[in-house]
Amino acid sequence: MSDVKHTPGPWAFHLNKSDSLFVVRDKEKRVICEMSWHSQSREFYTLRAESEANARLIAAAPDMLESIQKLLDAADDSDGGMYGTLSTRFVRETVRAAIDRVTAPAVEGGA
């Protein structure tokens, strides 16, 4: 596995005092990101719920990455390589793709 380059977890989220912003912070209370919504919108509750869900997902990212890395390690250890079952190979390929997506370098000018 490559060395971790993101801010180490655990991360947590909370609603700020103005009740208009979810903030994701690391264990040192540094801001990772902020999710806001506009209370004037007719879709206020939908936007607020979506912002909260996004903040929860982002806050869980370090734990999810660690979990899938452990799953990949277990799959690698379980079958001695090429003689693994199709399901084990599928898990290994899926987990590797997810880890690569998180750990790959950013592309400049990307969307």
N, C-alpha and C. Protein backbone atom coordinates (compact mmCIF):
# COMPACT_ATOMS: atom_id res chain seq x y z
N MET A 1 0.84 -1.19 0.00
CA MET A 1 0.00 0.00 0.00
C MET A 1 0.88 1.25 0.00
N SER A 2 0.41 2.26 -0.66
CA SER A 2 1.14 3.52 -0.66
C SER A 2 0.91 4.25 0.67
N ASP A 3 1.80 5.17 0.95
CA ASP A 3 1.65 5.95 2.17
C ASP A 3 0.42 6.85 2.07
N VAL A 4 -0.22 7.05 3.20
CA VAL A 4 -1.40 7.92 3.25
C VAL A 4 -0.98 9.35 3.01
N LYS A 5 -1.69 10.04 2.11
CA LYS A 5 -1.38 11.43 1.82
C LYS A 5 -2.49 12.37 2.25
N HIS A 6 -3.64 11.82 2.66
CA HIS A 6 -4.74 12.66 3.12
C HIS A 6 -4.58 12.94 4.62
N THR A 7 -5.37 13.86 5.11
CA THR A 7 -5.36 14.15 6.54
C THR A 7 -5.84 12.91 7.28
N PRO A 8 -5.06 12.42 8.24
CA PRO A 8 -5.45 11.19 8.94
C PRO A 8 -6.78 11.35 9.68
N GLY A 9 -7.52 10.26 9.77
CA GLY A 9 -8.77 10.24 10.53
C GLY A 9 -8.49 10.05 12.00
N PRO A 10 -9.50 10.00 12.80
CA PRO A 10 -10.89 10.06 12.41
C PRO A 10 -11.33 11.50 12.10
N TRP A 11 -12.35 11.59 11.25
CA TRP A 11 -12.98 12.87 10.95
C TRP A 11 -14.38 12.84 11.54
N ALA A 12 -14.88 14.01 11.89
CA ALA A 12 -16.24 14.12 12.44
C ALA A 12 -16.91 15.33 11.81
N PHE A 13 -18.24 15.35 11.83
CA PHE A 13 -18.94 16.51 11.31
C PHE A 13 -19.88 17.05 12.37
N HIS A 14 -20.17 18.32 12.26
CA HIS A 14 -21.12 18.96 13.17
C HIS A 14 -21.82 20.10 12.42
N LEU A 15 -22.91 20.53 12.99
CA LEU A 15 -23.65 21.68 12.47
C LEU A 15 -23.13 22.91 13.19
N ASN A 16 -22.78 23.95 12.44
CA ASN A 16 -22.25 25.15 13.09
C ASN A 16 -23.35 25.90 13.83
N LYS A 17 -22.95 26.90 14.59
CA LYS A 17 -23.89 27.64 15.43
C LYS A 17 -24.93 28.42 14.64
N SER A 18 -24.61 28.81 13.42
CA SER A 18 -25.58 29.57 12.62
C SER A 18 -26.63 28.67 11.97
N ASP A 19 -26.49 27.35 12.16
CA ASP A 19 -27.45 26.38 11.63
C ASP A 19 -27.58 26.45 10.11
N SER A 20 -26.48 26.75 9.43
CA SER A 20 -26.53 26.82 7.97
C SER A 20 -25.33 26.14 7.32
N LEU A 21 -24.54 25.42 8.12
CA LEU A 21 -23.30 24.89 7.60
C LEU A 21 -22.90 23.63 8.36
N PHE A 22 -22.66 22.54 7.65
CA PHE A 22 -22.05 21.35 8.26
C PHE A 22 -20.55 21.46 8.04
N VAL A 23 -19.79 21.20 9.08
CA VAL A 23 -18.34 21.31 9.02
C VAL A 23 -17.74 19.94 9.33
N VAL A 24 -16.84 19.46 8.47
CA VAL A 24 -16.11 18.22 8.71
C VAL A 24 -14.73 18.62 9.21
N ARG A 25 -14.35 18.06 10.36
CA ARG A 25 -13.06 18.40 10.98
C ARG A 25 -12.28 17.12 11.30
N ASP A 26 -10.96 17.27 11.37
CA ASP A 26 -10.13 16.15 11.78
C ASP A 26 -10.05 16.11 13.31
N LYS A 27 -9.28 15.17 13.84
CA LYS A 27 -9.22 15.02 15.30
C LYS A 27 -8.55 16.20 15.99
N GLU A 28 -7.83 17.02 15.23
CA GLU A 28 -7.21 18.23 15.79
C GLU A 28 -8.11 19.45 15.63
N LYS A 29 -9.34 19.23 15.16
CA LYS A 29 -10.37 20.27 14.94
C LYS A 29 -10.08 21.16 13.74
N ARG A 30 -9.17 20.72 12.85
CA ARG A 30 -8.92 21.47 11.62
C ARG A 30 -10.03 21.17 10.62
N VAL A 31 -10.44 22.18 9.87
CA VAL A 31 -11.52 22.03 8.90
C VAL A 31 -11.03 21.23 7.69
N ILE A 32 -11.79 20.19 7.35
CA ILE A 32 -11.54 19.41 6.14
C ILE A 32 -12.40 19.99 5.01
N CYS A 33 -13.68 20.22 5.30
CA CYS A 33 -14.58 20.85 4.32
C CYS A 33 -15.82 21.37 5.03
N GLU A 34 -16.57 22.16 4.29
CA GLU A 34 -17.83 22.72 4.80
C GLU A 34 -18.92 22.48 3.76
N MET A 35 -20.09 22.13 4.24
CA MET A 35 -21.26 21.91 3.39
C MET A 35 -22.32 22.91 3.81
N SER A 36 -22.74 23.76 2.89
CA SER A 36 -23.76 24.75 3.24
C SER A 36 -25.00 24.54 2.39
N TRP A 37 -26.07 25.21 2.79
CA TRP A 37 -27.32 25.21 2.03
C TRP A 37 -27.96 26.58 2.22
N HIS A 38 -28.94 26.87 1.40
CA HIS A 38 -29.58 28.18 1.43
C HIS A 38 -30.98 28.05 2.00
N SER A 39 -31.22 28.69 3.11
CA SER A 39 -32.51 28.55 3.79
C SER A 39 -33.63 29.26 3.03
N GLN A 40 -33.31 30.15 2.09
CA GLN A 40 -34.35 30.84 1.34
C GLN A 40 -34.93 29.95 0.24
N SER A 41 -34.29 28.87 -0.05
CA SER A 41 -34.74 27.98 -1.12
C SER A 41 -36.02 27.26 -0.74
N ARG A 42 -36.88 27.04 -1.73
CA ARG A 42 -38.09 26.26 -1.49
C ARG A 42 -37.74 24.81 -1.16
N GLU A 43 -36.54 24.39 -1.55
CA GLU A 43 -36.09 23.02 -1.30
C GLU A 43 -35.21 22.95 -0.05
N PHE A 44 -35.43 23.82 0.90
CA PHE A 44 -34.57 23.94 2.07
C PHE A 44 -34.30 22.59 2.73
N TYR A 45 -35.33 21.84 3.01
CA TYR A 45 -35.13 20.60 3.75
C TYR A 45 -34.39 19.55 2.91
N THR A 46 -34.69 19.50 1.62
CA THR A 46 -33.97 18.58 0.75
C THR A 46 -32.49 18.96 0.68
N LEU A 47 -32.21 20.23 0.50
CA LEU A 47 -30.82 20.66 0.41
C LEU A 47 -30.09 20.44 1.73
N ARG A 48 -30.75 20.70 2.84
CA ARG A 48 -30.13 20.51 4.14
C ARG A 48 -29.83 19.03 4.36
N ALA A 49 -30.78 18.17 4.05
CA ALA A 49 -30.59 16.73 4.22
C ALA A 49 -29.46 16.22 3.32
N GLU A 50 -29.41 16.73 2.09
CA GLU A 50 -28.35 16.32 1.17
C GLU A 50 -26.99 16.80 1.67
N SER A 51 -26.92 18.02 2.18
CA SER A 51 -25.67 18.54 2.73
C SER A 51 -25.21 17.71 3.92
N GLU A 52 -26.16 17.34 4.77
CA GLU A 52 -25.80 16.50 5.92
C GLU A 52 -25.30 15.14 5.47
N ALA A 53 -25.96 14.54 4.50
CA ALA A 53 -25.54 13.23 3.99
C ALA A 53 -24.14 13.31 3.38
N ASN A 54 -23.87 14.38 2.64
CA ASN A 54 -22.54 14.56 2.05
C ASN A 54 -21.48 14.72 3.14
N ALA A 55 -21.79 15.49 4.17
CA ALA A 55 -20.85 15.68 5.28
C ALA A 55 -20.59 14.36 6.00
N ARG A 56 -21.62 13.57 6.21
CA ARG A 56 -21.45 12.26 6.85
C ARG A 56 -20.55 11.35 6.01
N LEU A 57 -20.78 11.34 4.70
CA LEU A 57 -19.98 10.51 3.81
C LEU A 57 -18.52 10.94 3.81
N ILE A 58 -18.29 12.23 3.72
CA ILE A 58 -16.92 12.74 3.73
C ILE A 58 -16.24 12.43 5.06
N ALA A 59 -16.95 12.62 6.16
CA ALA A 59 -16.38 12.34 7.48
C ALA A 59 -16.02 10.87 7.65
N ALA A 60 -16.74 9.98 6.98
CA ALA A 60 -16.48 8.55 7.09
C ALA A 60 -15.37 8.07 6.15
N ALA A 61 -14.92 8.90 5.25
CA ALA A 61 -13.97 8.49 4.21
C ALA A 61 -12.70 7.83 4.76
N PRO A 62 -12.00 8.39 5.75
CA PRO A 62 -10.79 7.71 6.23
C PRO A 62 -11.07 6.32 6.79
N ASP A 63 -12.18 6.17 7.51
CA ASP A 63 -12.52 4.86 8.06
C ASP A 63 -12.89 3.87 6.96
N MET A 64 -13.60 4.35 5.93
CA MET A 64 -13.95 3.46 4.82
C MET A 64 -12.71 3.02 4.06
N LEU A 65 -11.77 3.94 3.83
CA LEU A 65 -10.53 3.59 3.14
C LEU A 65 -9.76 2.55 3.94
N GLU A 66 -9.64 2.74 5.23
CA GLU A 66 -8.94 1.77 6.08
C GLU A 66 -9.63 0.40 6.02
N SER A 67 -10.94 0.39 6.05
CA SER A 67 -11.69 -0.87 6.01
C SER A 67 -11.47 -1.62 4.71
N ILE A 68 -11.53 -0.91 3.58
CA ILE A 68 -11.35 -1.62 2.32
C ILE A 68 -9.90 -2.04 2.12
N GLN A 69 -8.94 -1.31 2.69
CA GLN A 69 -7.55 -1.76 2.63
C GLN A 69 -7.39 -3.06 3.43
N LYS A 70 -8.03 -3.16 4.59
CA LYS A 70 -7.98 -4.40 5.38
C LYS A 70 -8.65 -5.54 4.64
N LEU A 71 -9.76 -5.25 3.97
CA LEU A 71 -10.45 -6.27 3.19
C LEU A 71 -9.56 -6.78 2.06
N LEU A 72 -8.87 -5.89 1.39
CA LEU A 72 -7.96 -6.29 0.32
C LEU A 72 -6.83 -7.14 0.87
N ASP A 73 -6.26 -6.73 2.01
CA ASP A 73 -5.19 -7.53 2.63
C ASP A 73 -5.69 -8.93 2.97
N ALA A 74 -6.90 -9.04 3.50
CA ALA A 74 -7.46 -10.34 3.85
C ALA A 74 -7.69 -11.18 2.60
N ALA A 75 -8.16 -10.56 1.52
CA ALA A 75 -8.38 -11.30 0.27
C ALA A 75 -7.05 -11.78 -0.30
N ASP A 76 -6.01 -10.95 -0.23
CA ASP A 76 -4.69 -11.35 -0.72
C ASP A 76 -4.13 -12.52 0.08
N ASP A 77 -4.38 -12.53 1.40
CA ASP A 77 -3.84 -13.57 2.26
C ASP A 77 -4.64 -14.87 2.21
N SER A 78 -5.87 -14.83 1.71
CA SER A 78 -6.76 -15.96 1.85
C SER A 78 -6.56 -17.07 0.83
N ASP A 79 -5.96 -16.79 -0.33
CA ASP A 79 -6.02 -17.81 -1.37
C ASP A 79 -4.72 -18.07 -2.12
N GLY A 80 -3.64 -17.46 -1.74
CA GLY A 80 -2.38 -17.73 -2.42
C GLY A 80 -2.32 -17.22 -3.85
N GLY A 81 -3.05 -16.19 -4.18
CA GLY A 81 -2.91 -15.56 -5.49
C GLY A 81 -3.86 -16.07 -6.55
N MET A 82 -3.33 -16.63 -7.64
CA MET A 82 -4.12 -16.93 -8.82
C MET A 82 -5.14 -18.05 -8.65
N TYR A 83 -5.09 -18.80 -7.56
CA TYR A 83 -6.04 -19.89 -7.36
C TYR A 83 -7.25 -19.48 -6.55
N GLY A 84 -7.44 -18.19 -6.37
CA GLY A 84 -8.59 -17.70 -5.61
C GLY A 84 -9.89 -17.94 -6.36
N THR A 85 -10.96 -17.87 -5.63
CA THR A 85 -12.28 -18.05 -6.25
C THR A 85 -12.62 -16.80 -7.05
N LEU A 86 -13.58 -16.93 -7.92
CA LEU A 86 -14.03 -15.79 -8.72
C LEU A 86 -14.51 -14.67 -7.81
N SER A 87 -15.25 -15.01 -6.75
CA SER A 87 -15.75 -13.96 -5.87
C SER A 87 -14.62 -13.24 -5.15
N THR A 88 -13.58 -13.97 -4.75
CA THR A 88 -12.43 -13.34 -4.10
C THR A 88 -11.71 -12.42 -5.08
N ARG A 89 -11.56 -12.88 -6.31
CA ARG A 89 -10.92 -12.03 -7.32
C ARG A 89 -11.75 -10.79 -7.59
N PHE A 90 -13.06 -10.94 -7.65
CA PHE A 90 -13.94 -9.80 -7.86
C PHE A 90 -13.80 -8.80 -6.72
N VAL A 91 -13.80 -9.30 -5.48
CA VAL A 91 -13.63 -8.42 -4.32
C VAL A 91 -12.29 -7.70 -4.41
N ARG A 92 -11.24 -8.43 -4.71
CA ARG A 92 -9.90 -7.85 -4.80
C ARG A 92 -9.86 -6.74 -5.86
N GLU A 93 -10.39 -7.01 -7.05
CA GLU A 93 -10.37 -6.01 -8.12
C GLU A 93 -11.22 -4.79 -7.78
N THR A 94 -12.36 -5.02 -7.17
CA THR A 94 -13.25 -3.92 -6.80
C THR A 94 -12.62 -3.05 -5.73
N VAL A 95 -12.04 -3.68 -4.74
CA VAL A 95 -11.41 -2.94 -3.64
C VAL A 95 -10.19 -2.18 -4.15
N ARG A 96 -9.37 -2.80 -4.98
CA ARG A 96 -8.21 -2.11 -5.54
C ARG A 96 -8.64 -0.87 -6.33
N ALA A 97 -9.69 -1.00 -7.12
CA ALA A 97 -10.18 0.14 -7.91
C ALA A 97 -10.64 1.27 -7.00
N ALA A 98 -11.33 0.93 -5.90
CA ALA A 98 -11.79 1.97 -4.97
C ALA A 98 -10.61 2.65 -4.28
N ILE A 99 -9.63 1.88 -3.87
CA ILE A 99 -8.45 2.47 -3.23
C ILE A 99 -7.70 3.35 -4.22
N ASP A 100 -7.55 2.88 -5.45
CA ASP A 100 -6.85 3.68 -6.47
C ASP A 100 -7.56 5.00 -6.70
N ARG A 101 -8.88 4.97 -6.67
CA ARG A 101 -9.65 6.21 -6.90
C ARG A 101 -9.40 7.23 -5.80
N VAL A 102 -9.21 6.75 -4.57
CA VAL A 102 -8.98 7.64 -3.44
C VAL A 102 -7.53 8.11 -3.39
N THR A 103 -6.59 7.24 -3.75
CA THR A 103 -5.18 7.55 -3.56
C THR A 103 -4.47 8.06 -4.81
N ALA A 104 -5.13 8.03 -5.97
CA ALA A 104 -4.50 8.49 -7.22
C ALA A 104 -4.25 9.99 -7.16
N PRO A 105 -3.18 10.44 -7.79
CA PRO A 105 -2.91 11.89 -7.81
C PRO A 105 -4.00 12.65 -8.57
N ALA A 106 -4.21 13.88 -8.18
CA ALA A 106 -5.20 14.73 -8.83
C ALA A 106 -4.74 15.07 -10.24
N VAL A 107 -5.69 15.21 -11.14
CA VAL A 107 -5.41 15.61 -12.50
C VAL A 107 -5.66 17.10 -12.61
N GLU A 108 -4.65 17.86 -13.04
CA GLU A 108 -4.82 19.31 -13.17
C GLU A 108 -5.84 19.64 -14.23
N GLY A 109 -6.70 20.60 -13.93
CA GLY A 109 -7.70 21.05 -14.88
C GLY A 109 -8.88 20.10 -15.01
N GLY A 110 -8.92 19.07 -14.16
CA GLY A 110 -10.04 18.11 -14.21
C GLY A 110 -11.30 18.69 -13.65
N ALA A 111 -12.41 18.07 -14.00
CA ALA A 111 -13.72 18.54 -13.53
C ALA A 111 -13.97 18.12 -12.11
